[in-house]
Amino acid sequence: MEKKSTLLKVMGIIMIIFGSLALLGSLVLLLFTTLVDLSAEAVGTELAELFAMYTTIGSVISLISAVVMLVAGIVGVKNYNKPEKANVCLVFAVLVAILYVVGIVESIMSSGGTAAFIVLDIVFGLAVPVLYLLGAIKLKKLAD
């Protein structure tokens, strides 16, 4: 029997795609954040500076999350047939999920958000890391 996790490979490919898109979006957000920071300094009000702080925090979280998701995807695709590397994939799955939740919390704190969109975002946004985690668990079971 071949020891591999096709689910891990498929989710890894999806994470590479989403991670790449998120990385591009994060870089655009970082540019936007720089403009907001410059505007906040020019305006000089507390509200403008608070908005600039939230956009900076959000862009940094977004950038870190995008990089971790991209790396997790690459690790998953590279190791989907190597049961001895299952623990590395498990760590990345948990890391991506945690960073996603941190991003959601930051988003809720900074914008308030609409409850329906937040719930949909959480459900669909966590689907990819959870499926990746399931693929990594399957790979780990193959190692035993």
C-alpha atoms as a PDB file:
ATOM      1  CA  MET A   1       0.000   0.000   0.000  1.00  0.00           C
ATOM      2  CA  GLU A   2       1.261   3.449  -0.924  1.00  0.00           C
ATOM      3  CA  LYS A   3       1.734   5.729   2.045  1.00  0.00           C
ATOM      4  CA  LYS A   4       0.439   9.135   1.003  1.00  0.00           C
ATOM      5  CA  SER A   5      -2.275  11.647   1.794  1.00  0.00           C
ATOM      6  CA  THR A   6      -3.925  12.913  -1.371  1.00  0.00           C
ATOM      7  CA  LEU A   7      -6.084  15.266   0.736  1.00  0.00           C
ATOM      8  CA  LEU A   8      -2.917  16.884   2.102  1.00  0.00           C
ATOM      9  CA  LYS A   9      -1.555  17.345  -1.424  1.00  0.00           C
ATOM     10  CA  VAL A  10      -4.803  18.860  -2.746  1.00  0.00           C
ATOM     11  CA  MET A  11      -5.170  21.183   0.242  1.00  0.00           C
ATOM     12  CA  GLY A  12      -1.496  22.087  -0.077  1.00  0.00           C
ATOM     13  CA  ILE A  13      -2.075  23.166  -3.686  1.00  0.00           C
ATOM     14  CA  ILE A  14      -5.110  25.194  -2.621  1.00  0.00           C
ATOM     15  CA  MET A  15      -3.075  26.787   0.184  1.00  0.00           C
ATOM     16  CA  ILE A  16      -0.324  27.694  -2.280  1.00  0.00           C
ATOM     17  CA  ILE A  17      -2.902  29.414  -4.492  1.00  0.00           C
ATOM     18  CA  PHE A  18      -4.659  31.195  -1.608  1.00  0.00           C
ATOM     19  CA  GLY A  19      -1.347  32.018   0.077  1.00  0.00           C
ATOM     20  CA  SER A  20       0.006  33.572  -3.121  1.00  0.00           C
ATOM     21  CA  LEU A  21      -3.136  35.654  -3.600  1.00  0.00           C
ATOM     22  CA  ALA A  22      -3.107  36.647   0.073  1.00  0.00           C
ATOM     23  CA  LEU A  23       0.546  37.637  -0.214  1.00  0.00           C
ATOM     24  CA  LEU A  24      -0.234  39.920  -3.144  1.00  0.00           C
ATOM     25  CA  GLY A  25      -3.204  41.364  -1.261  1.00  0.00           C
ATOM     26  CA  SER A  26      -1.076  41.851   1.844  1.00  0.00           C
ATOM     27  CA  LEU A  27       1.529  43.774  -0.096  1.00  0.00           C
ATOM     28  CA  VAL A  28      -1.181  46.049  -1.511  1.00  0.00           C
ATOM     29  CA  LEU A  29      -2.594  46.422   2.017  1.00  0.00           C
ATOM     30  CA  LEU A  30       0.879  47.308   3.279  1.00  0.00           C
ATOM     31  CA  LEU A  31       1.117  50.046   0.641  1.00  0.00           C
ATOM     32  CA  PHE A  32      -2.333  51.282   1.691  1.00  0.00           C
ATOM     33  CA  THR A  33      -1.237  51.219   5.331  1.00  0.00           C
ATOM     34  CA  THR A  34       1.776  53.358   4.513  1.00  0.00           C
ATOM     35  CA  LEU A  35      -0.509  55.914   2.863  1.00  0.00           C
ATOM     36  CA  VAL A  36      -2.872  55.832   5.843  1.00  0.00           C
ATOM     37  CA  ASP A  37       0.046  56.352   8.241  1.00  0.00           C
ATOM     38  CA  LEU A  38       1.234  59.352   6.236  1.00  0.00           C
ATOM     39  CA  SER A  39      -2.295  60.754   6.169  1.00  0.00           C
ATOM     40  CA  ALA A  40      -2.720  60.223   9.908  1.00  0.00           C
ATOM     41  CA  GLU A  41       0.461  62.143  10.571  1.00  0.00           C
ATOM     42  CA  ALA A  42      -0.745  64.976   8.356  1.00  0.00           C
ATOM     43  CA  VAL A  43      -4.196  65.092   9.985  1.00  0.00           C
ATOM     44  CA  GLY A  44      -2.809  64.659  13.481  1.00  0.00           C
ATOM     45  CA  THR A  45      -6.051  63.613  15.164  1.00  0.00           C
ATOM     46  CA  GLU A  46      -6.370  60.747  17.631  1.00  0.00           C
ATOM     47  CA  LEU A  47      -8.980  59.001  15.481  1.00  0.00           C
ATOM     48  CA  ALA A  48      -6.747  59.102  12.393  1.00  0.00           C
ATOM     49  CA  GLU A  49      -3.820  57.722  14.366  1.00  0.00           C
ATOM     50  CA  LEU A  50      -6.003  54.958  15.842  1.00  0.00           C
ATOM     51  CA  PHE A  51      -7.198  53.999  12.358  1.00  0.00           C
ATOM     52  CA  ALA A  52      -3.588  53.971  11.144  1.00  0.00           C
ATOM     53  CA  MET A  53      -2.591  51.716  14.044  1.00  0.00           C
ATOM     54  CA  TYR A  54      -5.383  49.212  13.282  1.00  0.00           C
ATOM     55  CA  THR A  55      -4.543  49.120   9.581  1.00  0.00           C
ATOM     56  CA  THR A  56      -0.880  48.564  10.403  1.00  0.00           C
ATOM     57  CA  ILE A  57      -1.680  45.700  12.780  1.00  0.00           C
ATOM     58  CA  GLY A  58      -4.056  44.191  10.235  1.00  0.00           C
ATOM     59  CA  SER A  59      -1.564  44.405   7.397  1.00  0.00           C
ATOM     60  CA  VAL A  60       1.213  42.806   9.459  1.00  0.00           C
ATOM     61  CA  ILE A  61      -1.077  39.955  10.558  1.00  0.00           C
ATOM     62  CA  SER A  62      -2.229  39.542   6.961  1.00  0.00           C
ATOM     63  CA  LEU A  63       1.331  39.429   5.651  1.00  0.00           C
ATOM     64  CA  ILE A  64       2.494  36.900   8.255  1.00  0.00           C
ATOM     65  CA  SER A  65      -0.581  34.736   7.672  1.00  0.00           C
ATOM     66  CA  ALA A  66      -0.083  34.793   3.898  1.00  0.00           C
ATOM     67  CA  VAL A  67       3.556  33.739   4.184  1.00  0.00           C
ATOM     68  CA  VAL A  68       2.734  30.949   6.652  1.00  0.00           C
ATOM     69  CA  MET A  69      -0.113  29.711   4.432  1.00  0.00           C
ATOM     70  CA  LEU A  70       2.143  29.714   1.365  1.00  0.00           C
ATOM     71  CA  VAL A  71       4.900  27.840   3.205  1.00  0.00           C
ATOM     72  CA  ALA A  72       2.357  25.385   4.668  1.00  0.00           C
ATOM     73  CA  GLY A  73       1.047  24.673   1.182  1.00  0.00           C
ATOM     74  CA  ILE A  74       4.532  24.042  -0.160  1.00  0.00           C
ATOM     75  CA  VAL A  75       5.361  21.789   2.803  1.00  0.00           C
ATOM     76  CA  GLY A  76       2.119  19.836   2.287  1.00  0.00           C
ATOM     77  CA  VAL A  77       2.703  19.298  -1.436  1.00  0.00           C
ATOM     78  CA  LYS A  78       6.340  18.393  -0.886  1.00  0.00           C
ATOM     79  CA  ASN A  79       5.630  15.923   1.937  1.00  0.00           C
ATOM     80  CA  TYR A  80       2.203  14.416   1.143  1.00  0.00           C
ATOM     81  CA  ASN A  81       3.867  11.056   0.569  1.00  0.00           C
ATOM     82  CA  LYS A  82       6.358  11.191   3.462  1.00  0.00           C
ATOM     83  CA  PRO A  83       4.672   9.978   6.656  1.00  0.00           C
ATOM     84  CA  GLU A  84       7.770  10.858   8.684  1.00  0.00           C
ATOM     85  CA  LYS A  85       7.095  14.557   7.896  1.00  0.00           C
ATOM     86  CA  ALA A  86       3.488  14.460   9.166  1.00  0.00           C
ATOM     87  CA  ASN A  87       4.333  16.347  12.380  1.00  0.00           C
ATOM     88  CA  VAL A  88       5.696  19.300  10.395  1.00  0.00           C
ATOM     89  CA  CYS A  89       2.448  19.418   8.408  1.00  0.00           C
ATOM     90  CA  LEU A  90       0.417  19.230  11.629  1.00  0.00           C
ATOM     91  CA  VAL A  91       2.322  22.189  13.079  1.00  0.00           C
ATOM     92  CA  PHE A  92       1.713  24.255   9.944  1.00  0.00           C
ATOM     93  CA  ALA A  93      -1.999  23.356   9.935  1.00  0.00           C
ATOM     94  CA  VAL A  94      -2.395  24.562  13.512  1.00  0.00           C
ATOM     95  CA  LEU A  95      -0.317  27.679  12.830  1.00  0.00           C
ATOM     96  CA  VAL A  96      -2.439  28.651   9.806  1.00  0.00           C
ATOM     97  CA  ALA A  97      -5.659  28.119  11.778  1.00  0.00           C
ATOM     98  CA  ILE A  98      -4.398  30.175  14.742  1.00  0.00           C
ATOM     99  CA  LEU A  99      -3.241  33.034  12.517  1.00  0.00           C
ATOM    100  CA  TYR A 100      -6.579  32.958  10.725  1.00  0.00           C
ATOM    101  CA  VAL A 101      -8.471  33.251  14.018  1.00  0.00           C
ATOM    102  CA  VAL A 102      -6.155  36.081  15.148  1.00  0.00           C
ATOM    103  CA  GLY A 103      -6.893  37.868  11.871  1.00  0.00           C
ATOM    104  CA  ILE A 104     -10.634  37.445  12.358  1.00  0.00           C
ATOM    105  CA  VAL A 105     -10.437  38.785  15.933  1.00  0.00           C
ATOM    106  CA  GLU A 106      -8.402  41.781  14.781  1.00  0.00           C
ATOM    107  CA  SER A 107     -10.870  42.390  11.973  1.00  0.00           C
ATOM    108  CA  ILE A 108     -13.819  42.280  14.371  1.00  0.00           C
ATOM    109  CA  MET A 109     -12.082  44.615  16.807  1.00  0.00           C
ATOM    110  CA  SER A 110     -11.120  47.150  14.187  1.00  0.00           C
ATOM    111  CA  SER A 111     -14.294  47.242  12.104  1.00  0.00           C
ATOM    112  CA  GLY A 112     -17.102  45.708  14.101  1.00  0.00           C
ATOM    113  CA  GLY A 113     -18.156  43.733  11.033  1.00  0.00           C
ATOM    114  CA  THR A 114     -21.530  42.293  10.199  1.00  0.00           C
ATOM    115  CA  ALA A 115     -22.277  39.142  12.181  1.00  0.00           C
ATOM    116  CA  ALA A 116     -23.462  37.127   9.163  1.00  0.00           C
ATOM    117  CA  PHE A 117     -20.302  37.898   7.200  1.00  0.00           C
ATOM    118  CA  ILE A 118     -18.097  37.124  10.169  1.00  0.00           C
ATOM    119  CA  VAL A 119     -19.730  33.711  10.664  1.00  0.00           C
ATOM    120  CA  LEU A 120     -19.430  32.907   6.937  1.00  0.00           C
ATOM    121  CA  ASP A 121     -15.830  34.085   6.935  1.00  0.00           C
ATOM    122  CA  ILE A 122     -14.978  31.897   9.917  1.00  0.00           C
ATOM    123  CA  VAL A 123     -16.699  28.803   8.495  1.00  0.00           C
ATOM    124  CA  PHE A 124     -15.294  29.058   4.970  1.00  0.00           C
ATOM    125  CA  GLY A 125     -11.951  30.515   6.008  1.00  0.00           C
ATOM    126  CA  LEU A 126     -11.225  27.732   8.474  1.00  0.00           C
ATOM    127  CA  ALA A 127     -12.318  25.009   6.030  1.00  0.00           C
ATOM    128  CA  VAL A 128      -8.964  24.993   4.206  1.00  0.00           C
ATOM    129  CA  PRO A 129      -6.717  24.683   7.294  1.00  0.00           C
ATOM    130  CA  VAL A 130      -9.066  22.107   8.854  1.00  0.00           C
ATOM    131  CA  LEU A 131      -9.019  19.962   5.702  1.00  0.00           C
ATOM    132  CA  TYR A 132      -5.229  20.374   5.534  1.00  0.00           C
ATOM    133  CA  LEU A 133      -5.087  19.263   9.185  1.00  0.00           C
ATOM    134  CA  LEU A 134      -7.192  16.187   8.380  1.00  0.00           C
ATOM    135  CA  GLY A 135      -4.809  15.340   5.531  1.00  0.00           C
ATOM    136  CA  ALA A 136      -1.830  15.715   7.887  1.00  0.00           C
ATOM    137  CA  ILE A 137      -3.536  13.496  10.488  1.00  0.00           C
ATOM    138  CA  LYS A 138      -4.118  10.857   7.813  1.00  0.00           C
ATOM    139  CA  LEU A 139      -0.441  11.032   6.866  1.00  0.00           C
ATOM    140  CA  LYS A 140       0.556  10.684  10.537  1.00  0.00           C
ATOM    141  CA  LYS A 141      -1.608   7.564  10.861  1.00  0.00           C
ATOM    142  CA  LEU A 142       0.209   6.089   7.857  1.00  0.00           C
ATOM    143  CA  ALA A 143       3.501   6.527   9.707  1.00  0.00           C
ATOM    144  CA  ASP A 144       2.339   4.316  12.577  1.00  0.00           C
END
